Amino acid sequence: MNDLQISDWSENELWVVETTTKERWGEKIDIEQASTEMRLSKGSTQLVECPALYWIAPDGTHFVIVKIGDSRYKAQFYYRGFQMYGTGVDAYDNIGDCVTNLLQIQADHHAREAGDV
């Protein structure tokens, strides 16, 4: 049994994500709070319940940010189950950097896929 407890999202963390997504799309995005189980280290088989934020962008892209500790975040986006992409960063220590990089990497990926780059 795992005793590790990860705190829920703070109002500041939620505000940063909501504000950044609104700036990106020019409208309020519905962001859902969820939870997921993750292995917090590569060598561990133990799953830890972690708070997560999930939203779908106007273009249909799905985004997930998982809080893996105090000021520690992982992020990814996906289109379908087999089209999942990370940011290339193992963990962020700043929610602003996490969401900004996630959105920029997705925008760059979308532009490459569309042949705009």
C-alpha atoms as a PDB file:
ATOM      1  CA  MET A   1       0.000   0.000   0.000  1.00  0.00           C
ATOM      2  CA  ASN A   2       1.274   3.469  -0.839  1.00  0.00           C
ATOM      3  CA  ASP A   3       1.141   6.227   1.772  1.00  0.00           C
ATOM      4  CA  LEU A   4       2.334   9.001  -0.529  1.00  0.00           C
ATOM      5  CA  GLN A   5      -0.274  11.761  -0.771  1.00  0.00           C
ATOM      6  CA  ILE A   6      -0.025  14.372  -3.489  1.00  0.00           C
ATOM      7  CA  SER A   7      -1.904  17.572  -2.751  1.00  0.00           C
ATOM      8  CA  ASP A   8      -4.785  18.654  -4.948  1.00  0.00           C
ATOM      9  CA  TRP A   9      -4.448  21.529  -7.389  1.00  0.00           C
ATOM     10  CA  SER A  10      -4.073  24.919  -5.743  1.00  0.00           C
ATOM     11  CA  GLU A  11      -6.153  27.873  -6.872  1.00  0.00           C
ATOM     12  CA  ASN A  12      -2.973  29.465  -8.253  1.00  0.00           C
ATOM     13  CA  GLU A  13      -2.088  26.369 -10.316  1.00  0.00           C
ATOM     14  CA  LEU A  14      -5.623  26.233 -11.732  1.00  0.00           C
ATOM     15  CA  TRP A  15      -5.542  29.964 -12.505  1.00  0.00           C
ATOM     16  CA  VAL A  16      -2.240  29.613 -14.402  1.00  0.00           C
ATOM     17  CA  VAL A  17      -3.571  26.773 -16.571  1.00  0.00           C
ATOM     18  CA  GLU A  18      -6.941  28.460 -17.175  1.00  0.00           C
ATOM     19  CA  THR A  19      -5.333  31.807 -18.046  1.00  0.00           C
ATOM     20  CA  THR A  20      -2.731  30.283 -20.359  1.00  0.00           C
ATOM     21  CA  THR A  21      -5.264  28.181 -22.268  1.00  0.00           C
ATOM     22  CA  LYS A  22      -7.580  31.180 -22.610  1.00  0.00           C
ATOM     23  CA  GLU A  23      -4.696  33.227 -24.034  1.00  0.00           C
ATOM     24  CA  ARG A  24      -3.916  30.434 -26.508  1.00  0.00           C
ATOM     25  CA  TRP A  25      -7.429  29.982 -27.886  1.00  0.00           C
ATOM     26  CA  GLY A  26      -9.016  33.336 -27.092  1.00  0.00           C
ATOM     27  CA  GLU A  27     -11.820  31.694 -25.144  1.00  0.00           C
ATOM     28  CA  LYS A  28     -12.352  29.900 -21.856  1.00  0.00           C
ATOM     29  CA  ILE A  29     -11.553  26.203 -22.146  1.00  0.00           C
ATOM     30  CA  ASP A  30     -13.386  23.703 -19.937  1.00  0.00           C
ATOM     31  CA  ILE A  31     -10.686  22.087 -17.841  1.00  0.00           C
ATOM     32  CA  GLU A  32     -11.666  19.041 -15.819  1.00  0.00           C
ATOM     33  CA  GLN A  33      -9.988  17.891 -12.635  1.00  0.00           C
ATOM     34  CA  ALA A  34      -9.382  14.166 -12.537  1.00  0.00           C
ATOM     35  CA  SER A  35      -7.050  11.661 -10.964  1.00  0.00           C
ATOM     36  CA  THR A  36      -4.795   9.043 -12.457  1.00  0.00           C
ATOM     37  CA  GLU A  37      -2.382   6.446 -11.228  1.00  0.00           C
ATOM     38  CA  MET A  38       1.255   6.739 -12.228  1.00  0.00           C
ATOM     39  CA  ARG A  39       4.617   5.216 -11.489  1.00  0.00           C
ATOM     40  CA  LEU A  40       6.636   8.119 -10.122  1.00  0.00           C
ATOM     41  CA  SER A  41      10.012   6.568 -10.859  1.00  0.00           C
ATOM     42  CA  LYS A  42      11.141   4.389 -13.729  1.00  0.00           C
ATOM     43  CA  GLY A  43      12.378   1.585 -11.488  1.00  0.00           C
ATOM     44  CA  SER A  44       9.195   1.335  -9.435  1.00  0.00           C
ATOM     45  CA  THR A  45       6.168  -0.826 -10.056  1.00  0.00           C
ATOM     46  CA  GLN A  46       4.145   0.995  -7.397  1.00  0.00           C
ATOM     47  CA  LEU A  47       1.290   3.157  -8.650  1.00  0.00           C
ATOM     48  CA  VAL A  48       0.537   6.472  -6.948  1.00  0.00           C
ATOM     49  CA  GLU A  49      -2.751   8.328  -7.301  1.00  0.00           C
ATOM     50  CA  CYS A  50      -2.065  11.771  -8.764  1.00  0.00           C
ATOM     51  CA  PRO A  51      -4.315  14.770  -9.472  1.00  0.00           C
ATOM     52  CA  ALA A  52      -4.654  15.570 -13.164  1.00  0.00           C
ATOM     53  CA  LEU A  53      -6.079  18.306 -15.373  1.00  0.00           C
ATOM     54  CA  TYR A  54      -7.668  17.330 -18.671  1.00  0.00           C
ATOM     55  CA  TRP A  55      -9.121  19.377 -21.510  1.00  0.00           C
ATOM     56  CA  ILE A  56      -9.975  19.152 -25.179  1.00  0.00           C
ATOM     57  CA  ALA A  57      -8.905  22.042 -27.397  1.00  0.00           C
ATOM     58  CA  PRO A  58     -11.213  23.484 -30.053  1.00  0.00           C
ATOM     59  CA  ASP A  59      -9.268  21.529 -32.717  1.00  0.00           C
ATOM     60  CA  GLY A  60      -9.930  18.233 -30.886  1.00  0.00           C
ATOM     61  CA  THR A  61      -6.504  17.797 -29.293  1.00  0.00           C
ATOM     62  CA  HIS A  62      -6.633  16.260 -25.819  1.00  0.00           C
ATOM     63  CA  PHE A  63      -4.290  17.594 -23.108  1.00  0.00           C
ATOM     64  CA  VAL A  64      -3.313  16.160 -19.724  1.00  0.00           C
ATOM     65  CA  ILE A  65      -1.175  17.635 -16.956  1.00  0.00           C
ATOM     66  CA  VAL A  66      -0.489  15.370 -13.978  1.00  0.00           C
ATOM     67  CA  LYS A  67       0.698  16.690 -10.637  1.00  0.00           C
ATOM     68  CA  ILE A  68       3.334  14.235  -9.399  1.00  0.00           C
ATOM     69  CA  GLY A  69       4.409  16.115  -6.263  1.00  0.00           C
ATOM     70  CA  ASP A  70       4.650  19.575  -4.763  1.00  0.00           C
ATOM     71  CA  SER A  71       5.494  21.810  -7.730  1.00  0.00           C
ATOM     72  CA  ARG A  72       6.176  18.759  -9.957  1.00  0.00           C
ATOM     73  CA  TYR A  73       4.237  18.148 -13.175  1.00  0.00           C
ATOM     74  CA  LYS A  74       4.191  15.868 -16.224  1.00  0.00           C
ATOM     75  CA  ALA A  75       2.333  16.770 -19.412  1.00  0.00           C
ATOM     76  CA  GLN A  76       1.232  15.236 -22.696  1.00  0.00           C
ATOM     77  CA  PHE A  77      -1.193  15.740 -25.545  1.00  0.00           C
ATOM     78  CA  TYR A  78      -2.848  13.266 -27.836  1.00  0.00           C
ATOM     79  CA  TYR A  79      -5.192  12.998 -30.775  1.00  0.00           C
ATOM     80  CA  ARG A  80      -6.122   9.323 -30.624  1.00  0.00           C
ATOM     81  CA  GLY A  81      -4.947   6.587 -28.299  1.00  0.00           C
ATOM     82  CA  PHE A  82      -2.072   5.722 -30.607  1.00  0.00           C
ATOM     83  CA  GLN A  83      -1.025   9.342 -31.220  1.00  0.00           C
ATOM     84  CA  MET A  84       0.314  10.391 -27.811  1.00  0.00           C
ATOM     85  CA  TYR A  85       3.082  12.966 -27.400  1.00  0.00           C
ATOM     86  CA  GLY A  86       5.056  14.247 -24.438  1.00  0.00           C
ATOM     87  CA  THR A  87       7.126  17.369 -24.070  1.00  0.00           C
ATOM     88  CA  GLY A  88      10.497  15.665 -23.800  1.00  0.00           C
ATOM     89  CA  VAL A  89      10.838  16.938 -20.229  1.00  0.00           C
ATOM     90  CA  ASP A  90      10.701  14.289 -17.507  1.00  0.00           C
ATOM     91  CA  ALA A  91       9.094  16.654 -14.973  1.00  0.00           C
ATOM     92  CA  TYR A  92       8.517  20.380 -14.636  1.00  0.00           C
ATOM     93  CA  ASP A  93       8.936  22.285 -11.387  1.00  0.00           C
ATOM     94  CA  ASN A  94       6.826  25.253 -12.496  1.00  0.00           C
ATOM     95  CA  ILE A  95       3.200  24.971 -13.672  1.00  0.00           C
ATOM     96  CA  GLY A  96       3.565  28.007 -15.945  1.00  0.00           C
ATOM     97  CA  ASP A  97       6.532  26.485 -17.769  1.00  0.00           C
ATOM     98  CA  CYS A  98       4.714  23.159 -17.971  1.00  0.00           C
ATOM     99  CA  VAL A  99       1.530  24.458 -19.601  1.00  0.00           C
ATOM    100  CA  THR A 100       3.325  26.971 -21.839  1.00  0.00           C
ATOM    101  CA  ASN A 101       5.765  24.364 -23.175  1.00  0.00           C
ATOM    102  CA  LEU A 102       2.987  21.806 -23.613  1.00  0.00           C
ATOM    103  CA  LEU A 103       0.914  24.215 -25.701  1.00  0.00           C
ATOM    104  CA  GLN A 104       3.936  25.360 -27.738  1.00  0.00           C
ATOM    105  CA  ILE A 105       5.085  21.822 -28.483  1.00  0.00           C
ATOM    106  CA  GLN A 106       1.568  20.868 -29.582  1.00  0.00           C
ATOM    107  CA  ALA A 107       1.318  23.969 -31.809  1.00  0.00           C
ATOM    108  CA  ASP A 108       4.706  23.160 -33.379  1.00  0.00           C
ATOM    109  CA  HIS A 109       3.645  19.539 -33.912  1.00  0.00           C
ATOM    110  CA  HIS A 110       0.368  20.635 -35.504  1.00  0.00           C
ATOM    111  CA  ALA A 111       2.208  23.033 -37.839  1.00  0.00           C
ATOM    112  CA  ARG A 112       4.650  20.282 -38.922  1.00  0.00           C
ATOM    113  CA  GLU A 113       1.788  17.841 -39.552  1.00  0.00           C
ATOM    114  CA  ALA A 114      -0.033  20.477 -41.626  1.00  0.00           C
ATOM    115  CA  GLY A 115       3.132  21.196 -43.621  1.00  0.00           C
ATOM    116  CA  ASP A 116       3.326  24.781 -42.372  1.00  0.00           C
ATOM    117  CA  VAL A 117       6.919  24.330 -41.163  1.00  0.00           C
END
